PDB file of N, CA and C in Angstrom:
ATOM      1  N   MET A   1      17.179   2.947  -2.713  1.00  0.00           N
ATOM      2  CA  MET A   1      16.470   1.702  -2.507  1.00  0.00           C
ATOM      3  C   MET A   1      14.995   2.027  -2.296  1.00  0.00           C
ATOM      4  N   MET A   2      14.128   1.481  -3.134  1.00  0.00           N
ATOM      5  CA  MET A   2      12.694   1.701  -3.012  1.00  0.00           C
ATOM      6  C   MET A   2      12.122   0.826  -1.890  1.00  0.00           C
ATOM      7  N   ILE A   3      11.132   1.364  -1.199  1.00  0.00           N
ATOM      8  CA  ILE A   3      10.454   0.645  -0.130  1.00  0.00           C
ATOM      9  C   ILE A   3       8.983   0.501  -0.502  1.00  0.00           C
ATOM     10  N   GLN A   4       8.457  -0.705  -0.341  1.00  0.00           N
ATOM     11  CA  GLN A   4       7.032  -0.955  -0.562  1.00  0.00           C
ATOM     12  C   GLN A   4       6.419  -1.448   0.744  1.00  0.00           C
ATOM     13  N   THR A   5       5.264  -0.898   1.053  1.00  0.00           N
ATOM     14  CA  THR A   5       4.507  -1.325   2.222  1.00  0.00           C
ATOM     15  C   THR A   5       3.196  -1.927   1.741  1.00  0.00           C
ATOM     16  N   VAL A   6       2.843  -3.087   2.279  1.00  0.00           N
ATOM     17  CA  VAL A   6       1.566  -3.714   1.971  1.00  0.00           C
ATOM     18  C   VAL A   6       0.837  -3.920   3.288  1.00  0.00           C
ATOM     19  N   LEU A   7      -0.328  -3.306   3.407  1.00  0.00           N
ATOM     20  CA  LEU A   7      -1.165  -3.429   4.600  1.00  0.00           C
ATOM     21  C   LEU A   7      -2.489  -4.044   4.202  1.00  0.00           C
ATOM     22  N   LYS A   8      -2.878  -5.118   4.880  1.00  0.00           N
ATOM     23  CA  LYS A   8      -4.174  -5.738   4.628  1.00  0.00           C
ATOM     24  C   LYS A   8      -4.958  -5.761   5.929  1.00  0.00           C
ATOM     25  N   ILE A   9      -6.175  -5.219   5.863  1.00  0.00           N
ATOM     26  CA  ILE A   9      -7.078  -5.279   7.007  1.00  0.00           C
ATOM     27  C   ILE A   9      -8.388  -5.897   6.552  1.00  0.00           C
ATOM     28  N   VAL A  10      -9.107  -6.480   7.496  1.00  0.00           N
ATOM     29  CA  VAL A  10     -10.435  -7.025   7.232  1.00  0.00           C
ATOM     30  C   VAL A  10     -11.391  -6.300   8.169  1.00  0.00           C
ATOM     31  N   VAL A  11     -12.372  -5.632   7.586  1.00  0.00           N
ATOM     32  CA  VAL A  11     -13.330  -4.866   8.367  1.00  0.00           C
ATOM     33  C   VAL A  11     -14.700  -5.535   8.327  1.00  0.00           C
ATOM     34  N   SER A  12     -15.529  -5.189   9.284  1.00  0.00           N
ATOM     35  CA  SER A  12     -16.895  -5.713   9.288  1.00  0.00           C
ATOM     36  C   SER A  12     -17.716  -4.935   8.267  1.00  0.00           C
ATOM     37  N   PRO A  13     -18.817  -5.494   7.822  1.00  0.00           N
ATOM     38  CA  PRO A  13     -19.679  -4.744   6.902  1.00  0.00           C
ATOM     39  C   PRO A  13     -20.127  -3.404   7.504  1.00  0.00           C
ATOM     40  N   GLU A  14     -20.266  -3.370   8.823  1.00  0.00           N
ATOM     41  CA  GLU A  14     -20.710  -2.158   9.500  1.00  0.00           C
ATOM     42  C   GLU A  14     -19.646  -1.054   9.506  1.00  0.00           C
ATOM     43  N   THR A  15     -18.368  -1.434   9.501  1.00  0.00           N
ATOM     44  CA  THR A  15     -17.305  -0.423   9.554  1.00  0.00           C
ATOM     45  C   THR A  15     -16.626  -0.200   8.200  1.00  0.00           C
ATOM     46  N   ARG A  16     -17.056  -0.930   7.186  1.00  0.00           N
ATOM     47  CA  ARG A  16     -16.440  -0.805   5.865  1.00  0.00           C
ATOM     48  C   ARG A  16     -16.548   0.618   5.316  1.00  0.00           C
ATOM     49  N   ALA A  17     -17.720   1.219   5.425  1.00  0.00           N
ATOM     50  CA  ALA A  17     -17.908   2.581   4.911  1.00  0.00           C
ATOM     51  C   ALA A  17     -16.997   3.568   5.640  1.00  0.00           C
ATOM     52  N   GLU A  18     -16.858   3.404   6.939  1.00  0.00           N
ATOM     53  CA  GLU A  18     -15.969   4.278   7.713  1.00  0.00           C
ATOM     54  C   GLU A  18     -14.520   4.124   7.251  1.00  0.00           C
ATOM     55  N   ALA A  19     -14.101   2.897   7.031  1.00  0.00           N
ATOM     56  CA  ALA A  19     -12.738   2.645   6.571  1.00  0.00           C
ATOM     57  C   ALA A  19     -12.495   3.305   5.212  1.00  0.00           C
ATOM     58  N   LEU A  20     -13.454   3.172   4.302  1.00  0.00           N
ATOM     59  CA  LEU A  20     -13.297   3.768   2.975  1.00  0.00           C
ATOM     60  C   LEU A  20     -13.300   5.301   3.047  1.00  0.00           C
ATOM     61  N   GLU A  21     -14.072   5.868   3.969  1.00  0.00           N
ATOM     62  CA  GLU A  21     -14.061   7.320   4.163  1.00  0.00           C
ATOM     63  C   GLU A  21     -12.695   7.801   4.646  1.00  0.00           C
ATOM     64  N   ILE A  22     -12.093   7.047   5.561  1.00  0.00           N
ATOM     65  CA  ILE A  22     -10.759   7.403   6.052  1.00  0.00           C
ATOM     66  C   ILE A  22      -9.767   7.405   4.893  1.00  0.00           C
ATOM     67  N   ILE A  23      -9.799   6.349   4.104  1.00  0.00           N
ATOM     68  CA  ILE A  23      -8.880   6.256   2.962  1.00  0.00           C
ATOM     69  C   ILE A  23      -9.109   7.401   1.990  1.00  0.00           C
ATOM     70  N   ASP A  24     -10.375   7.660   1.685  1.00  0.00           N
ATOM     71  CA  ASP A  24     -10.709   8.729   0.741  1.00  0.00           C
ATOM     72  C   ASP A  24     -10.232  10.092   1.234  1.00  0.00           C
ATOM     73  N   SER A  25     -10.251  10.288   2.552  1.00  0.00           N
ATOM     74  CA  SER A  25      -9.865  11.584   3.108  1.00  0.00           C
ATOM     75  C   SER A  25      -8.359  11.847   3.056  1.00  0.00           C
ATOM     76  N   ILE A  26      -7.554  10.800   2.908  1.00  0.00           N
ATOM     77  CA  ILE A  26      -6.096  10.992   2.964  1.00  0.00           C
ATOM     78  C   ILE A  26      -5.341  10.610   1.704  1.00  0.00           C
ATOM     79  N   ILE A  27      -5.959   9.863   0.832  1.00  0.00           N
ATOM     80  CA  ILE A  27      -5.207   9.249  -0.269  1.00  0.00           C
ATOM     81  C   ILE A  27      -4.495  10.285  -1.146  1.00  0.00           C
ATOM     82  N   GLU A  28      -5.154  11.371  -1.497  1.00  0.00           N
ATOM     83  CA  GLU A  28      -4.513  12.360  -2.368  1.00  0.00           C
ATOM     84  C   GLU A  28      -3.399  13.104  -1.650  1.00  0.00           C
ATOM     85  N   ARG A  29      -3.574  13.395  -0.366  1.00  0.00           N
ATOM     86  CA  ARG A  29      -2.513  14.084   0.383  1.00  0.00           C
ATOM     87  C   ARG A  29      -1.274  13.211   0.486  1.00  0.00           C
ATOM     88  N   ILE A  30      -1.476  11.905   0.660  1.00  0.00           N
ATOM     89  CA  ILE A  30      -0.323  11.005   0.759  1.00  0.00           C
ATOM     90  C   ILE A  30       0.363  10.871  -0.589  1.00  0.00           C
ATOM     91  N   ARG A  31      -0.409  10.773  -1.652  1.00  0.00           N
ATOM     92  CA  ARG A  31       0.178  10.618  -2.989  1.00  0.00           C
ATOM     93  C   ARG A  31       1.102  11.757  -3.373  1.00  0.00           C
ATOM     94  N   VAL A  32       0.852  12.945  -2.840  1.00  0.00           N
ATOM     95  CA  VAL A  32       1.703  14.092  -3.181  1.00  0.00           C
ATOM     96  C   VAL A  32       2.773  14.344  -2.116  1.00  0.00           C
ATOM     97  N   SER A  33       2.879  13.449  -1.139  1.00  0.00           N
ATOM     98  CA  SER A  33       3.908  13.579  -0.102  1.00  0.00           C
ATOM     99  C   SER A  33       5.287  13.402  -0.711  1.00  0.00           C
ATOM    100  N   SER A  34       6.245  14.097  -0.142  1.00  0.00           N
ATOM    101  CA  SER A  34       7.623  13.984  -0.590  1.00  0.00           C
ATOM    102  C   SER A  34       8.092  12.534  -0.486  1.00  0.00           C
ATOM    103  N   GLY A  35       8.585  11.999  -1.586  1.00  0.00           N
ATOM    104  CA  GLY A  35       9.115  10.641  -1.604  1.00  0.00           C
ATOM    105  C   GLY A  35       8.107   9.557  -1.927  1.00  0.00           C
ATOM    106  N   CYS A  36       6.820   9.898  -2.031  1.00  0.00           N
ATOM    107  CA  CYS A  36       5.809   8.880  -2.352  1.00  0.00           C
ATOM    108  C   CYS A  36       5.815   8.636  -3.860  1.00  0.00           C
ATOM    109  N   ILE A  37       6.050   7.395  -4.239  1.00  0.00           N
ATOM    110  CA  ILE A  37       6.013   7.010  -5.652  1.00  0.00           C
ATOM    111  C   ILE A  37       4.580   6.670  -6.045  1.00  0.00           C
ATOM    112  N   SER A  38       3.914   5.878  -5.200  1.00  0.00           N
ATOM    113  CA  SER A  38       2.517   5.524  -5.454  1.00  0.00           C
ATOM    114  C   SER A  38       1.856   5.120  -4.153  1.00  0.00           C
ATOM    115  N   TYR A  39       0.541   5.275  -4.138  1.00  0.00           N
ATOM    116  CA  TYR A  39      -0.244   4.929  -2.956  1.00  0.00           C
ATOM    117  C   TYR A  39      -1.613   4.514  -3.457  1.00  0.00           C
ATOM    118  N   GLY A  40      -1.995   3.271  -3.198  1.00  0.00           N
ATOM    119  CA  GLY A  40      -3.281   2.787  -3.677  1.00  0.00           C
ATOM    120  C   GLY A  40      -3.997   1.947  -2.648  1.00  0.00           C
ATOM    121  N   ALA A  41      -5.313   2.013  -2.688  1.00  0.00           N
ATOM    122  CA  ALA A  41      -6.155   1.209  -1.799  1.00  0.00           C
ATOM    123  C   ALA A  41      -7.045   0.333  -2.662  1.00  0.00           C
ATOM    124  N   TYR A  42      -7.164  -0.922  -2.275  1.00  0.00           N
ATOM    125  CA  TYR A  42      -7.888  -1.917  -3.065  1.00  0.00           C
ATOM    126  C   TYR A  42      -8.765  -2.743  -2.139  1.00  0.00           C
ATOM    127  N   HIS A  43      -9.896  -3.221  -2.674  1.00  0.00           N
ATOM    128  CA  HIS A  43     -10.736  -4.104  -1.861  1.00  0.00           C
ATOM    129  C   HIS A  43     -10.927  -5.434  -2.570  1.00  0.00           C
ATOM    130  N   ASP A  44     -11.256  -6.444  -1.789  1.00  0.00           N
ATOM    131  CA  ASP A  44     -11.446  -7.795  -2.303  1.00  0.00           C
ATOM    132  C   ASP A  44     -12.765  -7.857  -3.068  1.00  0.00           C
ATOM    133  N   VAL A  45     -12.697  -8.192  -4.338  1.00  0.00           N
ATOM    134  CA  VAL A  45     -13.911  -8.245  -5.161  1.00  0.00           C
ATOM    135  C   VAL A  45     -14.818  -9.410  -4.790  1.00  0.00           C
ATOM    136  N   LEU A  46     -14.313 -10.359  -4.020  1.00  0.00           N
ATOM    137  CA  LEU A  46     -15.135 -11.485  -3.601  1.00  0.00           C
ATOM    138  C   LEU A  46     -15.937 -11.181  -2.342  1.00  0.00           C
ATOM    139  N   GLY A  47     -15.829  -9.964  -1.838  1.00  0.00           N
ATOM    140  CA  GLY A  47     -16.695  -9.529  -0.759  1.00  0.00           C
ATOM    141  C   GLY A  47     -16.270  -9.887   0.643  1.00  0.00           C
ATOM    142  N   GLU A  48     -15.007 -10.191   0.859  1.00  0.00           N
ATOM    143  CA  GLU A  48     -14.547 -10.559   2.193  1.00  0.00           C
ATOM    144  C   GLU A  48     -14.404  -9.341   3.100  1.00  0.00           C
ATOM    145  N   ASN A  49     -14.652  -8.147   2.576  1.00  0.00           N
ATOM    146  CA  ASN A  49     -14.455  -6.900   3.310  1.00  0.00           C
ATOM    147  C   ASN A  49     -12.998  -6.662   3.669  1.00  0.00           C
ATOM    148  N   SER A  50     -12.113  -7.196   2.861  1.00  0.00           N
ATOM    149  CA  SER A  50     -10.702  -6.921   3.102  1.00  0.00           C
ATOM    150  C   SER A  50     -10.285  -5.729   2.248  1.00  0.00           C
ATOM    151  N   ILE A  51      -9.421  -4.925   2.826  1.00  0.00           N
ATOM    152  CA  ILE A  51      -8.893  -3.744   2.158  1.00  0.00           C
ATOM    153  C   ILE A  51      -7.379  -3.847   2.187  1.00  0.00           C
ATOM    154  N   MET A  52      -6.768  -3.598   1.053  1.00  0.00           N
ATOM    155  CA  MET A  52      -5.318  -3.652   0.961  1.00  0.00           C
ATOM    156  C   MET A  52      -4.806  -2.285   0.526  1.00  0.00           C
ATOM    157  N   ILE A  53      -3.803  -1.812   1.222  1.00  0.00           N
ATOM    158  CA  ILE A  53      -3.152  -0.554   0.870  1.00  0.00           C
ATOM    159  C   ILE A  53      -1.719  -0.889   0.468  1.00  0.00           C
ATOM    160  N   ILE A  54      -1.338  -0.428  -0.707  1.00  0.00           N
ATOM    161  CA  ILE A  54       0.022  -0.654  -1.202  1.00  0.00           C
ATOM    162  C   ILE A  54       0.661   0.705  -1.437  1.00  0.00           C
ATOM    163  N   GLU A  55       1.780   0.940  -0.763  1.00  0.00           N
ATOM    164  CA  GLU A  55       2.513   2.195  -0.868  1.00  0.00           C
ATOM    165  C   GLU A  55       3.900   1.908  -1.419  1.00  0.00           C
ATOM    166  N   GLN A  56       4.418   2.842  -2.185  1.00  0.00           N
ATOM    167  CA  GLN A  56       5.802   2.753  -2.640  1.00  0.00           C
ATOM    168  C   GLN A  56       6.478   4.086  -2.347  1.00  0.00           C
ATOM    169  N   TRP A  57       7.646   3.997  -1.719  1.00  0.00           N
ATOM    170  CA  TRP A  57       8.407   5.174  -1.302  1.00  0.00           C
ATOM    171  C   TRP A  57       9.794   5.124  -1.919  1.00  0.00           C
ATOM    172  N   GLN A  58      10.331   6.288  -2.239  1.00  0.00           N
ATOM    173  CA  GLN A  58      11.650   6.363  -2.875  1.00  0.00           C
ATOM    174  C   GLN A  58      12.766   5.876  -1.970  1.00  0.00           C
ATOM    175  N   SER A  59      12.609   6.067  -0.661  1.00  0.00           N
ATOM    176  CA  SER A  59      13.677   5.663   0.251  1.00  0.00           C
ATOM    177  C   SER A  59      13.101   5.303   1.619  1.00  0.00           C
ATOM    178  N   ARG A  60      13.934   4.681   2.419  1.00  0.00           N
ATOM    179  CA  ARG A  60      13.543   4.351   3.788  1.00  0.00           C
ATOM    180  C   ARG A  60      13.288   5.621   4.598  1.00  0.00           C
ATOM    181  N   ALA A  61      14.081   6.649   4.354  1.00  0.00           N
ATOM    182  CA  ALA A  61      13.898   7.920   5.058  1.00  0.00           C
ATOM    183  C   ALA A  61      12.524   8.522   4.748  1.00  0.00           C
ATOM    184  N   ASP A  62      12.070   8.408   3.487  1.00  0.00           N
ATOM    185  CA  ASP A  62      10.744   8.918   3.114  1.00  0.00           C
ATOM    186  C   ASP A  62       9.643   8.143   3.840  1.00  0.00           C
ATOM    187  N   LEU A  63       9.772   6.823   3.890  1.00  0.00           N
ATOM    188  CA  LEU A  63       8.785   6.006   4.603  1.00  0.00           C
ATOM    189  C   LEU A  63       8.804   6.332   6.092  1.00  0.00           C
ATOM    190  N   ASP A  64       9.979   6.429   6.679  1.00  0.00           N
ATOM    191  CA  ASP A  64      10.083   6.743   8.104  1.00  0.00           C
ATOM    192  C   ASP A  64       9.425   8.089   8.415  1.00  0.00           C
ATOM    193  N   ARG A  65       9.653   9.066   7.554  1.00  0.00           N
ATOM    194  CA  ARG A  65       9.048  10.384   7.743  1.00  0.00           C
ATOM    195  C   ARG A  65       7.522  10.279   7.693  1.00  0.00           C
ATOM    196  N   PHE A  66       7.009   9.474   6.771  1.00  0.00           N
ATOM    197  CA  PHE A  66       5.559   9.291   6.665  1.00  0.00           C
ATOM    198  C   PHE A  66       4.998   8.616   7.918  1.00  0.00           C
ATOM    199  N   ILE A  67       5.659   7.573   8.387  1.00  0.00           N
ATOM    200  CA  ILE A  67       5.177   6.853   9.570  1.00  0.00           C
ATOM    201  C   ILE A  67       5.145   7.784  10.790  1.00  0.00           C
ATOM    202  N   CYS A  68       6.046   8.730  10.859  1.00  0.00           N
ATOM    203  CA  CYS A  68       6.089   9.669  11.992  1.00  0.00           C
ATOM    204  C   CYS A  68       5.191  10.895  11.783  1.00  0.00           C
ATOM    205  N   SER A  69       4.538  10.984  10.634  1.00  0.00           N
ATOM    206  CA  SER A  69       3.721  12.161  10.321  1.00  0.00           C
ATOM    207  C   SER A  69       2.326  12.075  10.953  1.00  0.00           C
ATOM    208  N   ASP A  70       1.649  13.217  10.960  1.00  0.00           N
ATOM    209  CA  ASP A  70       0.260  13.264  11.437  1.00  0.00           C
ATOM    210  C   ASP A  70      -0.657  12.442  10.533  1.00  0.00           C
ATOM    211  N   GLU A  71      -0.332  12.371   9.254  1.00  0.00           N
ATOM    212  CA  GLU A  71      -1.169  11.607   8.316  1.00  0.00           C
ATOM    213  C   GLU A  71      -1.233  10.128   8.687  1.00  0.00           C
ATOM    214  N   TYR A  72      -0.170   9.619   9.282  1.00  0.00           N
ATOM    215  CA  TYR A  72      -0.127   8.180   9.575  1.00  0.00           C
ATOM    216  C   TYR A  72      -1.124   7.785  10.650  1.00  0.00           C
ATOM    217  N   ARG A  73      -1.606   8.750  11.443  1.00  0.00           N
ATOM    218  CA  ARG A  73      -2.609   8.406  12.456  1.00  0.00           C
ATOM    219  C   ARG A  73      -3.885   7.865  11.799  1.00  0.00           C
ATOM    220  N   TYR A  74      -4.133   8.261  10.549  1.00  0.00           N
ATOM    221  CA  TYR A  74      -5.291   7.730   9.828  1.00  0.00           C
ATOM    222  C   TYR A  74      -5.071   6.257   9.481  1.00  0.00           C
ATOM    223  N   ILE A  75      -3.850   5.904   9.149  1.00  0.00           N
ATOM    224  CA  ILE A  75      -3.527   4.496   8.890  1.00  0.00           C
ATOM    225  C   ILE A  75      -3.716   3.686  10.165  1.00  0.00           C
ATOM    226  N   LEU A  76      -3.281   4.244  11.292  1.00  0.00           N
ATOM    227  CA  LEU A  76      -3.465   3.562  12.573  1.00  0.00           C
ATOM    228  C   LEU A  76      -4.947   3.403  12.903  1.00  0.00           C
ATOM    229  N   ALA A  77      -5.768   4.386  12.540  1.00  0.00           N
ATOM    230  CA  ALA A  77      -7.216   4.276  12.746  1.00  0.00           C
ATOM    231  C   ALA A  77      -7.789   3.152  11.893  1.00  0.00           C
ATOM    232  N   LEU A  78      -7.285   3.000  10.668  1.00  0.00           N
ATOM    233  CA  LEU A  78      -7.725   1.878   9.816  1.00  0.00           C
ATOM    234  C   LEU A  78      -7.369   0.547  10.454  1.00  0.00           C
ATOM    235  N   ILE A  79      -6.166   0.459  10.974  1.00  0.00           N
ATOM    236  CA  ILE A  79      -5.717  -0.775  11.613  1.00  0.00           C
ATOM    237  C   ILE A  79      -6.626  -1.124  12.788  1.00  0.00           C
ATOM    238  N   GLU A  80      -7.042  -0.120  13.536  1.00  0.00           N
ATOM    239  CA  GLU A  80      -7.930  -0.359  14.672  1.00  0.00           C
ATOM    240  C   GLU A  80      -9.305  -0.843  14.247  1.00  0.00           C
ATOM    241  N   LEU A  81      -9.730  -0.536  13.028  1.00  0.00           N
ATOM    242  CA  LEU A  81     -11.025  -1.004  12.528  1.00  0.00           C
ATOM    243  C   LEU A  81     -10.995  -2.466  12.096  1.00  0.00           C
ATOM    244  N   SER A  82      -9.815  -3.031  11.966  1.00  0.00           N
ATOM    245  CA  SER A  82      -9.672  -4.394  11.468  1.00  0.00           C
ATOM    246  C   SER A  82     -10.240  -5.414  12.452  1.00  0.00           C
ATOM    247  N   ASN A  83     -11.031  -6.346  11.917  1.00  0.00           N
ATOM    248  CA  ASN A  83     -11.608  -7.436  12.721  1.00  0.00           C
ATOM    249  C   ASN A  83     -10.574  -8.491  13.078  1.00  0.00           C
ATOM    250  N   LYS A  84      -9.602  -8.655  12.212  1.00  0.00           N
ATOM    251  CA  LYS A  84      -8.537  -9.640  12.405  1.00  0.00           C
ATOM    252  C   LYS A  84      -7.223  -8.893  12.593  1.00  0.00           C
ATOM    253  N   SER A  85      -6.214  -9.604  13.035  1.00  0.00           N
ATOM    254  CA  SER A  85      -4.893  -8.975  13.123  1.00  0.00           C
ATOM    255  C   SER A  85      -4.497  -8.499  11.735  1.00  0.00           C
ATOM    256  N   PRO A  86      -4.125  -7.242  11.627  1.00  0.00           N
ATOM    257  CA  PRO A  86      -3.741  -6.753  10.303  1.00  0.00           C
ATOM    258  C   PRO A  86      -2.441  -7.394   9.850  1.00  0.00           C
ATOM    259  N   GLU A  87      -2.298  -7.488   8.547  1.00  0.00           N
ATOM    260  CA  GLU A  87      -1.049  -7.975   7.968  1.00  0.00           C
ATOM    261  C   GLU A  87      -0.327  -6.768   7.396  1.00  0.00           C
ATOM    262  N   ILE A  88       0.915  -6.577   7.789  1.00  0.00           N
ATOM    263  CA  ILE A  88       1.690  -5.479   7.229  1.00  0.00           C
ATOM    264  C   ILE A  88       3.096  -5.989   6.915  1.00  0.00           C
ATOM    265  N   HIS A  89       3.548  -5.648   5.714  1.00  0.00           N
ATOM    266  CA  HIS A  89       4.856  -6.100   5.253  1.00  0.00           C
ATOM    267  C   HIS A  89       5.597  -4.919   4.639  1.00  0.00           C
ATOM    268  N   PHE A  90       6.874  -4.840   4.935  1.00  0.00           N
ATOM    269  CA  PHE A  90       7.748  -3.826   4.366  1.00  0.00           C
ATOM    270  C   PHE A  90       8.766  -4.542   3.480  1.00  0.00           C
ATOM    271  N   HIS A  91       8.844  -4.123   2.229  1.00  0.00           N
ATOM    272  CA  HIS A  91       9.758  -4.733   1.265  1.00  0.00           C
ATOM    273  C   HIS A  91      10.747  -3.678   0.780  1.00  0.00           C
ATOM    274  N   GLU A  92      12.026  -4.008   0.809  1.00  0.00           N
ATOM    275  CA  GLU A  92      13.060  -3.114   0.297  1.00  0.00           C
ATOM    276  C   GLU A  92      13.592  -3.691  -1.014  1.00  0.00           C
ATOM    277  N   PHE A  93      13.607  -2.858  -2.054  1.00  0.00           N
ATOM    278  CA  PHE A  93      14.048  -3.296  -3.366  1.00  0.00           C
ATOM    279  C   PHE A  93      15.281  -2.510  -3.789  1.00  0.00           C
ATOM    280  N   SER A  94      16.324  -3.231  -4.146  1.00  0.00           N
ATOM    281  CA  SER A  94      17.510  -2.549  -4.648  1.00  0.00           C
ATOM    282  C   SER A  94      17.522  -2.537  -6.175  1.00  0.00           C
ATOM    283  N   LYS A  95      16.795  -3.459  -6.796  1.00  0.00           N
ATOM    284  CA  LYS A  95      16.727  -3.503  -8.250  1.00  0.00           C
ATOM    285  C   LYS A  95      15.293  -3.824  -8.649  1.00  0.00           C
ATOM    286  N   ILE A  96      14.785  -3.038  -9.591  1.00  0.00           N
ATOM    287  CA  ILE A  96      13.403  -3.209 -10.026  1.00  0.00           C
ATOM    288  C   ILE A  96      13.393  -3.284 -11.545  1.00  0.00           C
ATOM    289  N   GLY A  97      12.604  -4.190 -12.092  1.00  0.00           N
ATOM    290  CA  GLY A  97      12.496  -4.323 -13.531  1.00  0.00           C
ATOM    291  C   GLY A  97      11.056  -4.219 -13.982  1.00  0.00           C
ATOM    292  N   GLY A  98      10.870  -4.174 -15.269  1.00  0.00           N
ATOM    293  CA  GLY A  98       9.535  -4.066 -15.840  1.00  0.00           C
ATOM    294  C   GLY A  98       9.394  -4.970 -17.054  1.00  0.00           C
ATOM    295  N   MET A  99       8.773  -4.433 -18.083  1.00  0.00           N
ATOM    296  CA  MET A  99       8.498  -5.196 -19.297  1.00  0.00           C
ATOM    297  C   MET A  99       9.766  -5.752 -19.935  1.00  0.00           C
ATOM    298  N   GLU A 100      10.896  -5.084 -19.717  1.00  0.00           N
ATOM    299  CA  GLU A 100      12.129  -5.564 -20.335  1.00  0.00           C
ATOM    300  C   GLU A 100      12.490  -6.975 -19.860  1.00  0.00           C
ATOM    301  N   ILE A 101      12.111  -7.326 -18.636  1.00  0.00           N
ATOM    302  CA  ILE A 101      12.369  -8.676 -18.133  1.00  0.00           C
ATOM    303  C   ILE A 101      11.537  -9.691 -18.906  1.00  0.00           C
ATOM    304  N   ILE A 102      10.269  -9.384 -19.125  1.00  0.00           N
ATOM    305  CA  ILE A 102       9.385 -10.285 -19.881  1.00  0.00           C
ATOM    306  C   ILE A 102       9.879 -10.412 -21.310  1.00  0.00           C
ATOM    307  N   GLU A 103      10.207  -9.279 -21.931  1.00  0.00           N
ATOM    308  CA  GLU A 103      10.684  -9.304 -23.314  1.00  0.00           C
ATOM    309  C   GLU A 103      11.956 -10.131 -23.443  1.00  0.00           C
ATOM    310  N   LYS A 104      12.887  -9.954 -22.522  1.00  0.00           N
ATOM    311  CA  LYS A 104      14.142 -10.698 -22.568  1.00  0.00           C
ATOM    312  C   LYS A 104      13.882 -12.198 -22.430  1.00  0.00           C
ATOM    313  N   LEU A 105      13.060 -12.577 -21.469  1.00  0.00           N
ATOM    314  CA  LEU A 105      12.766 -13.993 -21.258  1.00  0.00           C
ATOM    315  C   LEU A 105      12.009 -14.612 -22.430  1.00  0.00           C
ATOM    316  N   ARG A 106      11.028 -13.877 -22.951  1.00  0.00           N
ATOM    317  CA  ARG A 106      10.242 -14.392 -24.075  1.00  0.00           C
ATOM    318  C   ARG A 106      11.105 -14.514 -25.328  1.00  0.00           C
ATOM    319  N   THR A 107      12.018 -13.578 -25.535  1.00  0.00           N
ATOM    320  CA  THR A 107      12.917 -13.621 -26.699  1.00  0.00           C
ATOM    321  C   THR A 107      13.877 -14.797 -26.560  1.00  0.00           C
ATOM    322  N   THR A 108      14.390 -15.013 -25.349  1.00  0.00           N
ATOM    323  CA  THR A 108      15.314 -16.107 -25.096  1.00  0.00           C
ATOM    324  C   THR A 108      14.631 -17.445 -25.329  1.00  0.00           C
ATOM    325  N   MET A 109      13.366 -17.566 -24.945  1.00  0.00           N
ATOM    326  CA  MET A 109      12.622 -18.830 -25.106  1.00  0.00           C
ATOM    327  C   MET A 109      12.398 -19.196 -26.559  1.00  0.00           C
ATOM    328  N   THR A 110      12.246 -18.192 -27.429  1.00  0.00           N
ATOM    329  CA  THR A 110      11.920 -18.466 -28.826  1.00  0.00           C
ATOM    330  C   THR A 110      13.138 -18.627 -29.721  1.00  0.00           C
ATOM    331  N   THR A 111      14.331 -18.392 -29.154  1.00  0.00           N
ATOM    332  CA  THR A 111      15.520 -18.521 -29.995  1.00  0.00           C
ATOM    333  C   THR A 111      16.242 -19.824 -29.732  1.00  0.00           C
TER     334      THR A 111
END
């Protein structure tokens, strides 16, 4: 079962650079962690100073191991920089699809 974590924080303009430095310092180490499928950090293009981190893990055990790791203290530091209450969501997926879902639906619609 794949696990996805979505974390959204909003930082002040003054702490935005610090937040991005934290992310830059850990992103590659996390991406090569055992069980990490993907790890990405994104910012709001409309300038709200919001940063979103989306992680995907192969299993709950992999995510749990990451949360208990030394690397996760950097995530906690990001959360502390947030001006608003951070939003964090954990999603468990038992079935995942891709383009085949779109192709199937589009083919069904045209027949």
